[in-house]
Amino acid sequence: MNKFRKFIEELLKKTDIVVMILTIVLVISIFFVFQYPNDQWPIISACASGGLMNILTGLKQTKNPSKKSSGMTFVMLGVIIVILGFILAGMVKDA
């Protein structure tokens, strides 16, 4: 159990780098969404990267007891963004 806790702590230290990479992916994906509005893959990648950014930020905030409730809000918002991305991609595919 101690190894698992140490692994999670190391992962949370590296979340800033992952969030920065996801931000770059999000900006590029939004550019492609505007270039190819009828394609579903840019929508999926934009929503997935935005949702994962929120989830990682929320997980980082849940470590701090004073920010625990806002961290859980970030996690739930991230999950909702990812789900809505797949719903929007399905709507674009059918159109």
N, C-alpha and C. Protein backbone atom coordinates (compact mmCIF):
# COMPACT_ATOMS: atom_id res chain seq x y z
N MET A 1 0.83 -1.19 0.00
CA MET A 1 0.00 0.00 0.00
C MET A 1 0.87 1.26 0.00
N ASN A 2 2.01 1.19 0.68
CA ASN A 2 2.90 2.34 0.75
C ASN A 2 3.50 2.65 -0.62
N LYS A 3 3.80 1.60 -1.41
CA LYS A 3 4.33 1.81 -2.75
C LYS A 3 3.30 2.49 -3.64
N PHE A 4 2.04 2.09 -3.49
CA PHE A 4 0.98 2.70 -4.29
C PHE A 4 0.82 4.17 -3.94
N ARG A 5 0.86 4.48 -2.66
CA ARG A 5 0.73 5.89 -2.22
C ARG A 5 1.91 6.72 -2.75
N LYS A 6 3.10 6.15 -2.72
CA LYS A 6 4.28 6.85 -3.23
C LYS A 6 4.16 7.07 -4.73
N PHE A 7 3.64 6.09 -5.45
CA PHE A 7 3.44 6.22 -6.89
C PHE A 7 2.45 7.34 -7.21
N ILE A 8 1.36 7.42 -6.46
CA ILE A 8 0.36 8.46 -6.67
C ILE A 8 0.96 9.84 -6.38
N GLU A 9 1.76 9.96 -5.33
CA GLU A 9 2.39 11.24 -5.00
C GLU A 9 3.36 11.68 -6.09
N GLU A 10 4.13 10.74 -6.64
CA GLU A 10 5.04 11.08 -7.74
C GLU A 10 4.27 11.49 -8.98
N LEU A 11 3.15 10.83 -9.22
CA LEU A 11 2.33 11.17 -10.39
C LEU A 11 1.74 12.56 -10.25
N LEU A 12 1.31 12.92 -9.06
CA LEU A 12 0.74 14.24 -8.84
C LEU A 12 1.78 15.35 -8.98
N LYS A 13 3.04 15.04 -8.73
CA LYS A 13 4.09 16.04 -8.93
C LYS A 13 4.30 16.33 -10.41
N LYS A 14 4.05 15.34 -11.24
CA LYS A 14 4.27 15.50 -12.67
C LYS A 14 3.04 16.00 -13.41
N THR A 15 1.96 16.29 -12.71
CA THR A 15 0.74 16.71 -13.39
C THR A 15 0.88 18.05 -14.07
N ASP A 16 1.74 18.93 -13.57
CA ASP A 16 1.91 20.23 -14.21
C ASP A 16 2.44 20.08 -15.63
N ILE A 17 3.37 19.16 -15.83
CA ILE A 17 3.92 18.93 -17.17
C ILE A 17 2.85 18.34 -18.07
N VAL A 18 2.08 17.40 -17.56
CA VAL A 18 1.03 16.77 -18.35
C VAL A 18 -0.05 17.79 -18.71
N VAL A 19 -0.41 18.66 -17.77
CA VAL A 19 -1.41 19.68 -18.05
C VAL A 19 -0.91 20.65 -19.11
N MET A 20 0.37 20.98 -19.09
CA MET A 20 0.93 21.87 -20.10
C MET A 20 0.87 21.22 -21.49
N ILE A 21 1.19 19.94 -21.57
CA ILE A 21 1.11 19.23 -22.85
C ILE A 21 -0.33 19.15 -23.32
N LEU A 22 -1.27 18.89 -22.41
CA LEU A 22 -2.68 18.84 -22.78
C LEU A 22 -3.19 20.21 -23.24
N THR A 23 -2.64 21.29 -22.70
CA THR A 23 -3.03 22.62 -23.14
C THR A 23 -2.61 22.85 -24.58
N ILE A 24 -1.41 22.43 -24.93
CA ILE A 24 -0.95 22.56 -26.31
C ILE A 24 -1.82 21.73 -27.24
N VAL A 25 -2.15 20.51 -26.83
CA VAL A 25 -3.03 19.65 -27.64
C VAL A 25 -4.41 20.29 -27.79
N LEU A 26 -4.91 20.91 -26.74
CA LEU A 26 -6.21 21.57 -26.79
C LEU A 26 -6.22 22.72 -27.78
N VAL A 27 -5.19 23.55 -27.77
CA VAL A 27 -5.12 24.69 -28.69
C VAL A 27 -5.05 24.21 -30.13
N ILE A 28 -4.24 23.20 -30.39
CA ILE A 28 -4.14 22.66 -31.75
C ILE A 28 -5.46 22.02 -32.16
N SER A 29 -6.12 21.31 -31.26
CA SER A 29 -7.39 20.67 -31.58
C SER A 29 -8.48 21.70 -31.88
N ILE A 30 -8.51 22.78 -31.11
CA ILE A 30 -9.51 23.82 -31.38
C ILE A 30 -9.26 24.46 -32.73
N PHE A 31 -7.99 24.64 -33.10
CA PHE A 31 -7.68 25.15 -34.44
C PHE A 31 -8.24 24.22 -35.51
N PHE A 32 -8.07 22.91 -35.34
CA PHE A 32 -8.58 21.96 -36.31
C PHE A 32 -10.11 21.87 -36.29
N VAL A 33 -10.73 22.12 -35.15
CA VAL A 33 -12.20 22.14 -35.09
C VAL A 33 -12.73 23.24 -35.99
N PHE A 34 -12.08 24.40 -35.98
CA PHE A 34 -12.54 25.50 -36.83
C PHE A 34 -12.17 25.29 -38.29
N GLN A 35 -11.10 24.57 -38.56
CA GLN A 35 -10.71 24.30 -39.94
C GLN A 35 -11.58 23.22 -40.58
N TYR A 36 -11.90 22.19 -39.82
CA TYR A 36 -12.70 21.07 -40.32
C TYR A 36 -13.89 20.85 -39.39
N PRO A 37 -14.94 21.66 -39.53
CA PRO A 37 -16.07 21.56 -38.57
C PRO A 37 -16.89 20.28 -38.71
N ASN A 38 -16.81 19.58 -39.83
CA ASN A 38 -17.61 18.37 -40.01
C ASN A 38 -16.85 17.10 -39.64
N ASP A 39 -15.65 17.24 -39.14
CA ASP A 39 -14.85 16.08 -38.75
C ASP A 39 -14.99 15.86 -37.25
N GLN A 40 -15.13 14.61 -36.84
CA GLN A 40 -15.39 14.33 -35.42
C GLN A 40 -14.11 14.20 -34.59
N TRP A 41 -12.97 13.89 -35.18
CA TRP A 41 -11.76 13.64 -34.40
C TRP A 41 -11.21 14.89 -33.72
N PRO A 42 -11.23 16.06 -34.36
CA PRO A 42 -10.79 17.25 -33.61
C PRO A 42 -11.70 17.57 -32.42
N ILE A 43 -12.98 17.31 -32.54
CA ILE A 43 -13.90 17.56 -31.43
C ILE A 43 -13.61 16.61 -30.28
N ILE A 44 -13.38 15.35 -30.61
CA ILE A 44 -13.07 14.36 -29.57
C ILE A 44 -11.75 14.72 -28.87
N SER A 45 -10.73 15.07 -29.65
CA SER A 45 -9.44 15.38 -29.02
C SER A 45 -9.50 16.67 -28.20
N ALA A 46 -10.26 17.67 -28.65
CA ALA A 46 -10.38 18.91 -27.88
C ALA A 46 -11.11 18.66 -26.57
N CYS A 47 -12.21 17.95 -26.63
CA CYS A 47 -12.98 17.70 -25.40
C CYS A 47 -12.24 16.74 -24.46
N ALA A 48 -11.56 15.76 -25.02
CA ALA A 48 -10.82 14.82 -24.17
C ALA A 48 -9.65 15.52 -23.48
N SER A 49 -8.92 16.35 -24.20
CA SER A 49 -7.79 17.03 -23.56
C SER A 49 -8.27 18.06 -22.55
N GLY A 50 -9.34 18.78 -22.86
CA GLY A 50 -9.89 19.73 -21.89
C GLY A 50 -10.43 19.04 -20.65
N GLY A 51 -11.10 17.92 -20.84
CA GLY A 51 -11.62 17.16 -19.70
C GLY A 51 -10.51 16.58 -18.84
N LEU A 52 -9.48 16.05 -19.50
CA LEU A 52 -8.36 15.50 -18.73
C LEU A 52 -7.60 16.58 -17.97
N MET A 53 -7.52 17.79 -18.56
CA MET A 53 -6.89 18.90 -17.83
C MET A 53 -7.67 19.20 -16.55
N ASN A 54 -8.99 19.24 -16.65
CA ASN A 54 -9.81 19.50 -15.46
C ASN A 54 -9.68 18.38 -14.44
N ILE A 55 -9.67 17.14 -14.91
CA ILE A 55 -9.56 16.00 -13.99
C ILE A 55 -8.22 16.03 -13.25
N LEU A 56 -7.13 16.27 -13.98
CA LEU A 56 -5.82 16.31 -13.33
C LEU A 56 -5.70 17.48 -12.36
N THR A 57 -6.25 18.63 -12.73
CA THR A 57 -6.23 19.78 -11.82
C THR A 57 -7.05 19.48 -10.57
N GLY A 58 -8.19 18.83 -10.75
CA GLY A 58 -9.03 18.47 -9.60
C GLY A 58 -8.36 17.47 -8.69
N LEU A 59 -7.68 16.48 -9.27
CA LEU A 59 -6.98 15.50 -8.45
C LEU A 59 -5.85 16.14 -7.65
N LYS A 60 -5.21 17.13 -8.26
CA LYS A 60 -4.15 17.83 -7.54
C LYS A 60 -4.73 18.65 -6.39
N GLN A 61 -5.90 19.25 -6.60
CA GLN A 61 -6.50 20.07 -5.55
C GLN A 61 -7.11 19.24 -4.42
N THR A 62 -7.47 18.00 -4.69
CA THR A 62 -8.05 17.18 -3.63
C THR A 62 -7.03 16.81 -2.56
N LYS A 63 -5.74 16.95 -2.85
CA LYS A 63 -4.72 16.71 -1.83
C LYS A 63 -4.81 17.73 -0.70
N ASN A 64 -5.15 18.96 -1.05
CA ASN A 64 -5.23 20.03 -0.06
C ASN A 64 -6.60 19.98 0.61
N PRO A 65 -6.67 19.82 1.94
CA PRO A 65 -7.97 19.70 2.61
C PRO A 65 -8.86 20.93 2.45
N SER A 66 -8.28 22.12 2.32
CA SER A 66 -9.11 23.32 2.19
C SER A 66 -9.69 23.46 0.79
N LYS A 67 -9.11 22.82 -0.20
CA LYS A 67 -9.59 22.91 -1.58
C LYS A 67 -10.21 21.61 -2.07
N LYS A 68 -10.55 20.71 -1.16
CA LYS A 68 -11.03 19.39 -1.55
C LYS A 68 -12.34 19.47 -2.32
N SER A 69 -13.27 20.33 -1.90
CA SER A 69 -14.57 20.40 -2.58
C SER A 69 -14.43 21.00 -3.97
N SER A 70 -13.58 22.00 -4.13
CA SER A 70 -13.40 22.56 -5.47
C SER A 70 -12.66 21.57 -6.37
N GLY A 71 -11.79 20.76 -5.80
CA GLY A 71 -11.12 19.73 -6.58
C GLY A 71 -12.08 18.69 -7.12
N MET A 72 -13.03 18.29 -6.29
CA MET A 72 -14.02 17.32 -6.75
C MET A 72 -14.92 17.93 -7.82
N THR A 73 -15.17 19.24 -7.73
CA THR A 73 -15.94 19.92 -8.77
C THR A 73 -15.19 19.89 -10.09
N PHE A 74 -13.88 20.12 -10.05
CA PHE A 74 -13.08 20.05 -11.26
C PHE A 74 -13.12 18.65 -11.87
N VAL A 75 -13.04 17.63 -11.04
CA VAL A 75 -13.06 16.25 -11.54
C VAL A 75 -14.39 15.96 -12.23
N MET A 76 -15.49 16.33 -11.58
CA MET A 76 -16.80 16.07 -12.18
C MET A 76 -16.99 16.87 -13.47
N LEU A 77 -16.53 18.12 -13.50
CA LEU A 77 -16.63 18.92 -14.71
C LEU A 77 -15.81 18.31 -15.84
N GLY A 78 -14.64 17.77 -15.51
CA GLY A 78 -13.82 17.12 -16.52
C GLY A 78 -14.49 15.89 -17.11
N VAL A 79 -15.12 15.09 -16.27
CA VAL A 79 -15.84 13.91 -16.76
C VAL A 79 -17.00 14.33 -17.66
N ILE A 80 -17.71 15.38 -17.27
CA ILE A 80 -18.84 15.87 -18.07
C ILE A 80 -18.35 16.38 -19.42
N ILE A 81 -17.22 17.08 -19.46
CA ILE A 81 -16.68 17.59 -20.72
C ILE A 81 -16.30 16.44 -21.64
N VAL A 82 -15.68 15.40 -21.11
CA VAL A 82 -15.30 14.25 -21.94
C VAL A 82 -16.54 13.57 -22.51
N ILE A 83 -17.55 13.37 -21.69
CA ILE A 83 -18.78 12.72 -22.15
C ILE A 83 -19.48 13.57 -23.21
N LEU A 84 -19.56 14.88 -22.97
CA LEU A 84 -20.20 15.76 -23.96
C LEU A 84 -19.41 15.80 -25.27
N GLY A 85 -18.10 15.64 -25.19
CA GLY A 85 -17.30 15.59 -26.41
C GLY A 85 -17.67 14.40 -27.28
N PHE A 86 -17.87 13.25 -26.66
CA PHE A 86 -18.27 12.07 -27.44
C PHE A 86 -19.69 12.22 -27.98
N ILE A 87 -20.56 12.86 -27.21
CA ILE A 87 -21.93 13.10 -27.70
C ILE A 87 -21.91 14.05 -28.89
N LEU A 88 -21.13 15.14 -28.79
CA LEU A 88 -21.03 16.09 -29.90
C LEU A 88 -20.41 15.44 -31.13
N ALA A 89 -19.41 14.60 -30.93
CA ALA A 89 -18.78 13.92 -32.07
C ALA A 89 -19.77 12.99 -32.75
N GLY A 90 -20.62 12.34 -31.98
CA GLY A 90 -21.65 11.49 -32.57
C GLY A 90 -22.68 12.29 -33.35
N MET A 91 -23.00 13.49 -32.87
CA MET A 91 -23.94 14.35 -33.59
C MET A 91 -23.34 14.86 -34.89
N VAL A 92 -22.05 15.17 -34.88
CA VAL A 92 -21.39 15.66 -36.10
C VAL A 92 -21.30 14.54 -37.12
N LYS A 93 -21.04 13.33 -36.66
CA LYS A 93 -20.93 12.19 -37.57
C LYS A 93 -22.25 11.91 -38.27
N ASP A 94 -23.36 12.06 -37.54
CA ASP A 94 -24.67 11.79 -38.13
C ASP A 94 -25.12 12.90 -39.07
N ALA A 95 -24.58 14.10 -38.91
CA ALA A 95 -25.04 15.25 -39.71
C ALA A 95 -24.53 15.20 -41.13
